[in-house]
Amino acid sequence: MTPRTVNGPPPPNAPGHKWRILAKAGDETVELEDRGVFDELVIDQWLHLEQMDERRWWMRVGDACNTIEILADGRAQVSIDRAMYENRPDPRLAAQSDAKEP
């Protein structure tokens, strides 16, 4: 049985239709490939990739915020903003500070 998306299979040239994820769990390998259009990946707090609309993705890698737009000719246009997350308050530090106050 071929996996299908809710609205049917994506067009063969749809951005995000070719993808692969490989994970290891001990001796077991988990692999997914080309099952619909890729939508989201989150790893811990330092990597987040998410499809925002048909031709645009948003990605966080560490302190960088990246926007990826797939142009009509298939090229990727990428903008990168650094230090987007490093100036945010760290909730662990706030909790430690609150615990020390009388």
PDB file of N, CA and C in Angstrom:
ATOM      1  N   MET A   1       0.846  -1.184   0.000  1.00  0.00           N
ATOM      2  CA  MET A   1       0.000   0.000   0.000  1.00  0.00           C
ATOM      3  C   MET A   1       0.889   1.243   0.000  1.00  0.00           C
ATOM      4  N   THR A   2       0.628   2.176  -0.894  1.00  0.00           N
ATOM      5  CA  THR A   2       1.399   3.413  -0.997  1.00  0.00           C
ATOM      6  C   THR A   2       0.831   4.452  -0.033  1.00  0.00           C
ATOM      7  N   PRO A   3       1.678   5.061   0.819  1.00  0.00           N
ATOM      8  CA  PRO A   3       1.182   6.112   1.725  1.00  0.00           C
ATOM      9  C   PRO A   3       0.644   7.286   0.920  1.00  0.00           C
ATOM     10  N   ARG A   4      -0.436   7.868   1.387  1.00  0.00           N
ATOM     11  CA  ARG A   4      -1.044   9.031   0.737  1.00  0.00           C
ATOM     12  C   ARG A   4      -1.302  10.094   1.784  1.00  0.00           C
ATOM     13  N   THR A   5      -1.257  11.332   1.359  1.00  0.00           N
ATOM     14  CA  THR A   5      -1.618  12.419   2.258  1.00  0.00           C
ATOM     15  C   THR A   5      -3.133  12.523   2.291  1.00  0.00           C
ATOM     16  N   VAL A   6      -3.660  13.322   3.194  1.00  0.00           N
ATOM     17  CA  VAL A   6      -5.107  13.470   3.335  1.00  0.00           C
ATOM     18  C   VAL A   6      -5.744  13.916   2.030  1.00  0.00           C
ATOM     19  N   ASN A   7      -5.095  14.817   1.308  1.00  0.00           N
ATOM     20  CA  ASN A   7      -5.657  15.351   0.067  1.00  0.00           C
ATOM     21  C   ASN A   7      -5.102  14.662  -1.172  1.00  0.00           C
ATOM     22  N   GLY A   8      -4.556  13.481  -1.038  1.00  0.00           N
ATOM     23  CA  GLY A   8      -3.968  12.781  -2.164  1.00  0.00           C
ATOM     24  C   GLY A   8      -2.471  12.989  -2.192  1.00  0.00           C
ATOM     25  N   PRO A   9      -1.781  12.312  -3.098  1.00  0.00           N
ATOM     26  CA  PRO A   9      -0.324  12.429  -3.139  1.00  0.00           C
ATOM     27  C   PRO A   9       0.104  13.807  -3.619  1.00  0.00           C
ATOM     28  N   PRO A  10       1.279  14.262  -3.169  1.00  0.00           N
ATOM     29  CA  PRO A  10       1.763  15.569  -3.620  1.00  0.00           C
ATOM     30  C   PRO A  10       2.193  15.486  -5.076  1.00  0.00           C
ATOM     31  N   PRO A  11       2.163  16.599  -5.783  1.00  0.00           N
ATOM     32  CA  PRO A  11       2.705  16.599  -7.140  1.00  0.00           C
ATOM     33  C   PRO A  11       4.169  16.189  -7.096  1.00  0.00           C
ATOM     34  N   PRO A  12       4.681  15.519  -8.128  1.00  0.00           N
ATOM     35  CA  PRO A  12       6.060  15.030  -8.079  1.00  0.00           C
ATOM     36  C   PRO A  12       7.107  16.124  -7.935  1.00  0.00           C
ATOM     37  N   ASN A  13       6.790  17.359  -8.258  1.00  0.00           N
ATOM     38  CA  ASN A  13       7.760  18.447  -8.128  1.00  0.00           C
ATOM     39  C   ASN A  13       7.454  19.378  -6.955  1.00  0.00           C
ATOM     40  N   ALA A  14       6.564  18.983  -6.048  1.00  0.00           N
ATOM     41  CA  ALA A  14       6.216  19.826  -4.902  1.00  0.00           C
ATOM     42  C   ALA A  14       7.425  19.962  -3.973  1.00  0.00           C
ATOM     43  N   PRO A  15       7.738  21.185  -3.531  1.00  0.00           N
ATOM     44  CA  PRO A  15       8.847  21.336  -2.584  1.00  0.00           C
ATOM     45  C   PRO A  15       8.590  20.497  -1.332  1.00  0.00           C
ATOM     46  N   GLY A  16       9.586  19.735  -0.922  1.00  0.00           N
ATOM     47  CA  GLY A  16       9.452  18.916   0.277  1.00  0.00           C
ATOM     48  C   GLY A  16       8.971  17.502   0.021  1.00  0.00           C
ATOM     49  N   HIS A  17       8.793  17.116  -1.239  1.00  0.00           N
ATOM     50  CA  HIS A  17       8.281  15.763  -1.501  1.00  0.00           C
ATOM     51  C   HIS A  17       9.376  14.701  -1.445  1.00  0.00           C
ATOM     52  N   LYS A  18      10.641  15.082  -1.540  1.00  0.00           N
ATOM     53  CA  LYS A  18      11.755  14.141  -1.427  1.00  0.00           C
ATOM     54  C   LYS A  18      12.448  14.377  -0.090  1.00  0.00           C
ATOM     55  N   TRP A  19      12.405  13.398   0.805  1.00  0.00           N
ATOM     56  CA  TRP A  19      13.042  13.539   2.099  1.00  0.00           C
ATOM     57  C   TRP A  19      13.327  12.162   2.681  1.00  0.00           C
ATOM     58  N   ARG A  20      14.178  12.146   3.723  1.00  0.00           N
ATOM     59  CA  ARG A  20      14.539  10.896   4.387  1.00  0.00           C
ATOM     60  C   ARG A  20      14.910  11.186   5.831  1.00  0.00           C
ATOM     61  N   ILE A  21      14.449  10.345   6.736  1.00  0.00           N
ATOM     62  CA  ILE A  21      14.822  10.421   8.148  1.00  0.00           C
ATOM     63  C   ILE A  21      15.322   9.042   8.558  1.00  0.00           C
ATOM     64  N   LEU A  22      16.442   9.008   9.251  1.00  0.00           N
ATOM     65  CA  LEU A  22      17.025   7.769   9.737  1.00  0.00           C
ATOM     66  C   LEU A  22      17.338   7.950  11.212  1.00  0.00           C
ATOM     67  N   ALA A  23      16.875   7.019  12.036  1.00  0.00           N
ATOM     68  CA  ALA A  23      17.145   7.075  13.475  1.00  0.00           C
ATOM     69  C   ALA A  23      17.562   5.687  13.942  1.00  0.00           C
ATOM     70  N   LYS A  24      18.310   5.661  15.029  1.00  0.00           N
ATOM     71  CA  LYS A  24      18.771   4.395  15.601  1.00  0.00           C
ATOM     72  C   LYS A  24      18.226   4.267  17.017  1.00  0.00           C
ATOM     73  N   ALA A  25      17.752   3.079  17.359  1.00  0.00           N
ATOM     74  CA  ALA A  25      17.302   2.749  18.707  1.00  0.00           C
ATOM     75  C   ALA A  25      17.954   1.422  19.075  1.00  0.00           C
ATOM     76  N   GLY A  26      19.143   1.495  19.653  1.00  0.00           N
ATOM     77  CA  GLY A  26      19.898   0.278  19.934  1.00  0.00           C
ATOM     78  C   GLY A  26      20.312  -0.376  18.632  1.00  0.00           C
ATOM     79  N   ASP A  27      19.922  -1.626  18.447  1.00  0.00           N
ATOM     80  CA  ASP A  27      20.234  -2.348  17.210  1.00  0.00           C
ATOM     81  C   ASP A  27      19.185  -2.113  16.129  1.00  0.00           C
ATOM     82  N   GLU A  28      18.112  -1.432  16.470  1.00  0.00           N
ATOM     83  CA  GLU A  28      17.013  -1.211  15.525  1.00  0.00           C
ATOM     84  C   GLU A  28      17.225   0.087  14.734  1.00  0.00           C
ATOM     85  N   THR A  29      16.919   0.034  13.455  1.00  0.00           N
ATOM     86  CA  THR A  29      16.977   1.214  12.598  1.00  0.00           C
ATOM     87  C   THR A  29      15.558   1.597  12.212  1.00  0.00           C
ATOM     88  N   VAL A  30      15.252   2.874  12.351  1.00  0.00           N
ATOM     89  CA  VAL A  30      13.950   3.404  11.957  1.00  0.00           C
ATOM     90  C   VAL A  30      14.197   4.349  10.792  1.00  0.00           C
ATOM     91  N   GLU A  31      13.536   4.099   9.677  1.00  0.00           N
ATOM     92  CA  GLU A  31      13.755   4.926   8.487  1.00  0.00           C
ATOM     93  C   GLU A  31      12.430   5.257   7.829  1.00  0.00           C
ATOM     94  N   LEU A  32      12.252   6.518   7.502  1.00  0.00           N
ATOM     95  CA  LEU A  32      11.080   6.986   6.760  1.00  0.00           C
ATOM     96  C   LEU A  32      11.586   7.730   5.540  1.00  0.00           C
ATOM     97  N   GLU A  33      10.916   7.558   4.423  1.00  0.00           N
ATOM     98  CA  GLU A  33      11.360   8.225   3.204  1.00  0.00           C
ATOM     99  C   GLU A  33      10.162   8.525   2.306  1.00  0.00           C
ATOM    100  N   ASP A  34      10.083   9.776   1.859  1.00  0.00           N
ATOM    101  CA  ASP A  34       9.111  10.196   0.838  1.00  0.00           C
ATOM    102  C   ASP A  34       7.674   9.769   1.133  1.00  0.00           C
ATOM    103  N   ARG A  35       7.243   9.940   2.372  1.00  0.00           N
ATOM    104  CA  ARG A  35       5.852   9.628   2.723  1.00  0.00           C
ATOM    105  C   ARG A  35       5.092  10.930   2.880  1.00  0.00           C
ATOM    106  N   GLY A  36       4.593  11.446   1.772  1.00  0.00           N
ATOM    107  CA  GLY A  36       3.922  12.737   1.777  1.00  0.00           C
ATOM    108  C   GLY A  36       4.933  13.859   1.652  1.00  0.00           C
ATOM    109  N   VAL A  37       4.501  15.066   1.914  1.00  0.00           N
ATOM    110  CA  VAL A  37       5.385  16.236   1.887  1.00  0.00           C
ATOM    111  C   VAL A  37       5.895  16.458   3.305  1.00  0.00           C
ATOM    112  N   PHE A  38       7.212  16.621   3.440  1.00  0.00           N
ATOM    113  CA  PHE A  38       7.823  16.817   4.752  1.00  0.00           C
ATOM    114  C   PHE A  38       7.224  18.034   5.432  1.00  0.00           C
ATOM    115  N   ASP A  39       6.898  17.921   6.728  1.00  0.00           N
ATOM    116  CA  ASP A  39       6.266  19.023   7.440  1.00  0.00           C
ATOM    117  C   ASP A  39       7.078  19.544   8.622  1.00  0.00           C
ATOM    118  N   GLU A  40       7.562  18.672   9.514  1.00  0.00           N
ATOM    119  CA  GLU A  40       8.218  19.196  10.714  1.00  0.00           C
ATOM    120  C   GLU A  40       9.200  18.182  11.297  1.00  0.00           C
ATOM    121  N   LEU A  41      10.306  18.721  11.838  1.00  0.00           N
ATOM    122  CA  LEU A  41      11.294  17.940  12.563  1.00  0.00           C
ATOM    123  C   LEU A  41      11.740  18.771  13.757  1.00  0.00           C
ATOM    124  N   VAL A  42      11.743  18.161  14.940  1.00  0.00           N
ATOM    125  CA  VAL A  42      12.206  18.836  16.153  1.00  0.00           C
ATOM    126  C   VAL A  42      13.167  17.904  16.871  1.00  0.00           C
ATOM    127  N   ILE A  43      14.355  18.413  17.198  1.00  0.00           N
ATOM    128  CA  ILE A  43      15.335  17.667  17.982  1.00  0.00           C
ATOM    129  C   ILE A  43      15.736  18.543  19.156  1.00  0.00           C
ATOM    130  N   ASP A  44      15.423  18.071  20.359  1.00  0.00           N
ATOM    131  CA  ASP A  44      15.714  18.811  21.585  1.00  0.00           C
ATOM    132  C   ASP A  44      15.258  20.270  21.426  1.00  0.00           C
ATOM    133  N   GLN A  45      16.057  21.206  21.942  1.00  0.00           N
ATOM    134  CA  GLN A  45      15.715  22.629  21.854  1.00  0.00           C
ATOM    135  C   GLN A  45      16.554  23.370  20.833  1.00  0.00           C
ATOM    136  N   TRP A  46      17.456  22.683  20.127  1.00  0.00           N
ATOM    137  CA  TRP A  46      18.410  23.373  19.263  1.00  0.00           C
ATOM    138  C   TRP A  46      18.149  23.208  17.779  1.00  0.00           C
ATOM    139  N   LEU A  47      17.216  22.332  17.383  1.00  0.00           N
ATOM    140  CA  LEU A  47      16.910  22.160  15.959  1.00  0.00           C
ATOM    141  C   LEU A  47      15.412  22.017  15.767  1.00  0.00           C
ATOM    142  N   HIS A  48      14.859  22.865  14.922  1.00  0.00           N
ATOM    143  CA  HIS A  48      13.427  22.819  14.613  1.00  0.00           C
ATOM    144  C   HIS A  48      13.269  23.244  13.160  1.00  0.00           C
ATOM    145  N   LEU A  49      12.713  22.383  12.348  1.00  0.00           N
ATOM    146  CA  LEU A  49      12.442  22.672  10.940  1.00  0.00           C
ATOM    147  C   LEU A  49      10.963  22.453  10.711  1.00  0.00           C
ATOM    148  N   GLU A  50      10.282  23.447  10.144  1.00  0.00           N
ATOM    149  CA  GLU A  50       8.832  23.349   9.967  1.00  0.00           C
ATOM    150  C   GLU A  50       8.405  24.021   8.669  1.00  0.00           C
ATOM    151  N   GLN A  51       7.523  23.326   7.937  1.00  0.00           N
ATOM    152  CA  GLN A  51       6.966  23.904   6.720  1.00  0.00           C
ATOM    153  C   GLN A  51       5.886  24.912   7.116  1.00  0.00           C
ATOM    154  N   MET A  52       6.007  26.139   6.617  1.00  0.00           N
ATOM    155  CA  MET A  52       5.058  27.194   6.952  1.00  0.00           C
ATOM    156  C   MET A  52       3.948  27.305   5.905  1.00  0.00           C
ATOM    157  N   ASP A  53       4.292  27.130   4.653  1.00  0.00           N
ATOM    158  CA  ASP A  53       3.311  27.023   3.571  1.00  0.00           C
ATOM    159  C   ASP A  53       3.967  26.232   2.444  1.00  0.00           C
ATOM    160  N   GLU A  54       3.323  26.142   1.308  1.00  0.00           N
ATOM    161  CA  GLU A  54       3.787  25.240   0.257  1.00  0.00           C
ATOM    162  C   GLU A  54       5.233  25.460  -0.169  1.00  0.00           C
ATOM    163  N   ARG A  55       5.716  26.695  -0.150  1.00  0.00           N
ATOM    164  CA  ARG A  55       7.064  26.983  -0.641  1.00  0.00           C
ATOM    165  C   ARG A  55       7.978  27.622   0.397  1.00  0.00           C
ATOM    166  N   ARG A  56       7.573  27.620   1.671  1.00  0.00           N
ATOM    167  CA  ARG A  56       8.372  28.319   2.684  1.00  0.00           C
ATOM    168  C   ARG A  56       8.520  27.455   3.937  1.00  0.00           C
ATOM    169  N   TRP A  57       9.770  27.370   4.419  1.00  0.00           N
ATOM    170  CA  TRP A  57      10.087  26.658   5.648  1.00  0.00           C
ATOM    171  C   TRP A  57      10.762  27.610   6.617  1.00  0.00           C
ATOM    172  N   TRP A  58      10.609  27.334   7.887  1.00  0.00           N
ATOM    173  CA  TRP A  58      11.266  28.072   8.960  1.00  0.00           C
ATOM    174  C   TRP A  58      12.139  27.067   9.694  1.00  0.00           C
ATOM    175  N   MET A  59      13.365  27.492  10.096  1.00  0.00           N
ATOM    176  CA  MET A  59      14.252  26.577  10.785  1.00  0.00           C
ATOM    177  C   MET A  59      15.043  27.301  11.863  1.00  0.00           C
ATOM    178  N   ARG A  60      15.100  26.674  13.028  1.00  0.00           N
ATOM    179  CA  ARG A  60      15.973  27.145  14.106  1.00  0.00           C
ATOM    180  C   ARG A  60      17.105  26.145  14.238  1.00  0.00           C
ATOM    181  N   VAL A  61      18.329  26.654  14.222  1.00  0.00           N
ATOM    182  CA  VAL A  61      19.509  25.850  14.498  1.00  0.00           C
ATOM    183  C   VAL A  61      20.309  26.628  15.531  1.00  0.00           C
ATOM    184  N   GLY A  62      20.314  26.160  16.759  1.00  0.00           N
ATOM    185  CA  GLY A  62      21.003  26.881  17.830  1.00  0.00           C
ATOM    186  C   GLY A  62      20.423  28.271  17.994  1.00  0.00           C
ATOM    187  N   ASP A  63      21.264  29.297  17.826  1.00  0.00           N
ATOM    188  CA  ASP A  63      20.793  30.673  17.978  1.00  0.00           C
ATOM    189  C   ASP A  63      20.379  31.302  16.649  1.00  0.00           C
ATOM    190  N   ALA A  64      20.387  30.531  15.568  1.00  0.00           N
ATOM    191  CA  ALA A  64      20.068  31.078  14.243  1.00  0.00           C
ATOM    192  C   ALA A  64      18.634  30.762  13.843  1.00  0.00           C
ATOM    193  N   CYS A  65      17.990  31.753  13.268  1.00  0.00           N
ATOM    194  CA  CYS A  65      16.649  31.600  12.704  1.00  0.00           C
ATOM    195  C   CYS A  65      16.796  31.702  11.193  1.00  0.00           C
ATOM    196  N   ASN A  66      16.375  30.662  10.486  1.00  0.00           N
ATOM    197  CA  ASN A  66      16.524  30.608   9.035  1.00  0.00           C
ATOM    198  C   ASN A  66      15.154  30.534   8.383  1.00  0.00           C
ATOM    199  N   THR A  67      14.994  31.261   7.314  1.00  0.00           N
ATOM    200  CA  THR A  67      13.795  31.159   6.495  1.00  0.00           C
ATOM    201  C   THR A  67      14.227  30.672   5.128  1.00  0.00           C
ATOM    202  N   ILE A  68      13.581  29.626   4.636  1.00  0.00           N
ATOM    203  CA  ILE A  68      13.924  29.037   3.347  1.00  0.00           C
ATOM    204  C   ILE A  68      12.700  29.141   2.453  1.00  0.00           C
ATOM    205  N   GLU A  69      12.862  29.791   1.313  1.00  0.00           N
ATOM    206  CA  GLU A  69      11.773  29.883   0.346  1.00  0.00           C
ATOM    207  C   GLU A  69      12.215  29.193  -0.933  1.00  0.00           C
ATOM    208  N   ILE A  70      11.364  28.307  -1.455  1.00  0.00           N
ATOM    209  CA  ILE A  70      11.662  27.602  -2.690  1.00  0.00           C
ATOM    210  C   ILE A  70      11.059  28.410  -3.836  1.00  0.00           C
ATOM    211  N   LEU A  71      11.909  28.912  -4.712  1.00  0.00           N
ATOM    212  CA  LEU A  71      11.474  29.737  -5.837  1.00  0.00           C
ATOM    213  C   LEU A  71      10.814  28.876  -6.908  1.00  0.00           C
ATOM    214  N   ALA A  72      10.124  29.506  -7.844  1.00  0.00           N
ATOM    215  CA  ALA A  72       9.406  28.785  -8.893  1.00  0.00           C
ATOM    216  C   ALA A  72      10.332  27.891  -9.722  1.00  0.00           C
ATOM    217  N   ASP A  73      11.603  28.286  -9.864  1.00  0.00           N
ATOM    218  CA  ASP A  73      12.544  27.469 -10.639  1.00  0.00           C
ATOM    219  C   ASP A  73      13.205  26.367  -9.809  1.00  0.00           C
ATOM    220  N   GLY A  74      12.784  26.211  -8.538  1.00  0.00           N
ATOM    221  CA  GLY A  74      13.293  25.144  -7.685  1.00  0.00           C
ATOM    222  C   GLY A  74      14.486  25.522  -6.831  1.00  0.00           C
ATOM    223  N   ARG A  75      15.059  26.714  -7.028  1.00  0.00           N
ATOM    224  CA  ARG A  75      16.182  27.146  -6.192  1.00  0.00           C
ATOM    225  C   ARG A  75      15.695  27.549  -4.805  1.00  0.00           C
ATOM    226  N   ALA A  76      16.563  27.363  -3.821  1.00  0.00           N
ATOM    227  CA  ALA A  76      16.247  27.752  -2.450  1.00  0.00           C
ATOM    228  C   ALA A  76      16.840  29.123  -2.157  1.00  0.00           C
ATOM    229  N   GLN A  77      16.014  30.023  -1.652  1.00  0.00           N
ATOM    230  CA  GLN A  77      16.468  31.340  -1.204  1.00  0.00           C
ATOM    231  C   GLN A  77      16.446  31.308   0.323  1.00  0.00           C
ATOM    232  N   VAL A  78      17.602  31.549   0.941  1.00  0.00           N
ATOM    233  CA  VAL A  78      17.740  31.382   2.388  1.00  0.00           C
ATOM    234  C   VAL A  78      18.114  32.707   3.037  1.00  0.00           C
ATOM    235  N   SER A  79      17.430  33.041   4.130  1.00  0.00           N
ATOM    236  CA  SER A  79      17.850  34.182   4.946  1.00  0.00           C
ATOM    237  C   SER A  79      18.176  33.644   6.336  1.00  0.00           C
ATOM    238  N   ILE A  80      19.255  34.172   6.921  1.00  0.00           N
ATOM    239  CA  ILE A  80      19.735  33.702   8.216  1.00  0.00           C
ATOM    240  C   ILE A  80      19.868  34.890   9.152  1.00  0.00           C
ATOM    241  N   ASP A  81      19.226  34.797  10.307  1.00  0.00           N
ATOM    242  CA  ASP A  81      19.350  35.809  11.359  1.00  0.00           C
ATOM    243  C   ASP A  81      20.021  35.134  12.546  1.00  0.00           C
ATOM    244  N   ARG A  82      21.163  35.683  12.980  1.00  0.00           N
ATOM    245  CA  ARG A  82      21.900  35.088  14.097  1.00  0.00           C
ATOM    246  C   ARG A  82      21.500  35.742  15.411  1.00  0.00           C
ATOM    247  N   ALA A  83      21.840  35.077  16.494  1.00  0.00           N
ATOM    248  CA  ALA A  83      21.612  35.557  17.864  1.00  0.00           C
ATOM    249  C   ALA A  83      20.137  35.814  18.132  1.00  0.00           C
ATOM    250  N   MET A  84      19.289  35.042  17.498  1.00  0.00           N
ATOM    251  CA  MET A  84      17.848  35.230  17.698  1.00  0.00           C
ATOM    252  C   MET A  84      17.395  34.694  19.049  1.00  0.00           C
ATOM    253  N   TYR A  85      18.088  33.738  19.592  1.00  0.00           N
ATOM    254  CA  TYR A  85      17.618  33.072  20.803  1.00  0.00           C
ATOM    255  C   TYR A  85      18.546  33.241  21.987  1.00  0.00           C
ATOM    256  N   GLU A  86      19.792  33.704  21.768  1.00  0.00           N
ATOM    257  CA  GLU A  86      20.728  33.757  22.881  1.00  0.00           C
ATOM    258  C   GLU A  86      20.406  34.857  23.884  1.00  0.00           C
ATOM    259  N   ASN A  87      19.625  35.875  23.527  1.00  0.00           N
ATOM    260  CA  ASN A  87      19.309  36.961  24.445  1.00  0.00           C
ATOM    261  C   ASN A  87      18.011  36.733  25.212  1.00  0.00           C
ATOM    262  N   ARG A  88      17.379  35.605  24.980  1.00  0.00           N
ATOM    263  CA  ARG A  88      16.147  35.313  25.707  1.00  0.00           C
ATOM    264  C   ARG A  88      16.493  34.870  27.124  1.00  0.00           C
ATOM    265  N   PRO A  89      15.647  35.195  28.092  1.00  0.00           N
ATOM    266  CA  PRO A  89      15.936  34.750  29.458  1.00  0.00           C
ATOM    267  C   PRO A  89      15.922  33.226  29.538  1.00  0.00           C
ATOM    268  N   ASP A  90      16.848  32.691  30.282  1.00  0.00           N
ATOM    269  CA  ASP A  90      16.920  31.250  30.491  1.00  0.00           C
ATOM    270  C   ASP A  90      16.020  30.919  31.679  1.00  0.00           C
ATOM    271  N   PRO A  91      14.944  30.158  31.481  1.00  0.00           N
ATOM    272  CA  PRO A  91      14.019  29.887  32.588  1.00  0.00           C
ATOM    273  C   PRO A  91      14.684  29.158  33.756  1.00  0.00           C
ATOM    274  N   ARG A  92      15.739  28.391  33.493  1.00  0.00           N
ATOM    275  CA  ARG A  92      16.452  27.709  34.587  1.00  0.00           C
ATOM    276  C   ARG A  92      17.126  28.720  35.493  1.00  0.00           C
ATOM    277  N   LEU A  93      17.724  29.769  34.897  1.00  0.00           N
ATOM    278  CA  LEU A  93      18.382  30.799  35.703  1.00  0.00           C
ATOM    279  C   LEU A  93      17.360  31.603  36.486  1.00  0.00           C
ATOM    280  N   ALA A  94      16.223  31.893  35.871  1.00  0.00           N
ATOM    281  CA  ALA A  94      15.172  32.636  36.568  1.00  0.00           C
ATOM    282  C   ALA A  94      14.668  31.836  37.768  1.00  0.00           C
ATOM    283  N   ALA A  95      14.516  30.543  37.612  1.00  0.00           N
ATOM    284  CA  ALA A  95      14.040  29.693  38.713  1.00  0.00           C
ATOM    285  C   ALA A  95      15.059  29.671  39.841  1.00  0.00           C
ATOM    286  N   GLN A  96      16.354  29.623  39.512  1.00  0.00           N
ATOM    287  CA  GLN A  96      17.403  29.633  40.530  1.00  0.00           C
ATOM    288  C   GLN A  96      17.403  30.963  41.275  1.00  0.00           C
ATOM    289  N   SER A  97      17.217  32.048  40.534  1.00  0.00           N
ATOM    290  CA  SER A  97      17.208  33.384  41.142  1.00  0.00           C
ATOM    291  C   SER A  97      16.012  33.527  42.079  1.00  0.00           C
ATOM    292  N   ASP A  98      14.842  33.050  41.649  1.00  0.00           N
ATOM    293  CA  ASP A  98      13.632  33.130  42.479  1.00  0.00           C
ATOM    294  C   ASP A  98      13.801  32.318  43.752  1.00  0.00           C
ATOM    295  N   ALA A  99      14.493  31.187  43.664  1.00  0.00           N
ATOM    296  CA  ALA A  99      14.679  30.324  44.841  1.00  0.00           C
ATOM    297  C   ALA A  99      15.592  30.978  45.870  1.00  0.00           C
ATOM    298  N   LYS A 100      16.513  31.835  45.441  1.00  0.00           N
ATOM    299  CA  LYS A 100      17.471  32.475  46.346  1.00  0.00           C
ATOM    300  C   LYS A 100      16.882  33.685  47.062  1.00  0.00           C
ATOM    301  N   GLU A 101      15.843  34.293  46.495  1.00  0.00           N
ATOM    302  CA  GLU A 101      15.268  35.494  47.104  1.00  0.00           C
ATOM    303  C   GLU A 101      14.529  35.112  48.381  1.00  0.00           C
ATOM    304  N   PRO A 102      14.653  35.986  49.451  1.00  0.00           N
ATOM    305  CA  PRO A 102      13.976  35.676  50.747  1.00  0.00           C
ATOM    306  C   PRO A 102      12.482  35.773  50.642  1.00  0.00           C
TER     307      PRO A 102
END
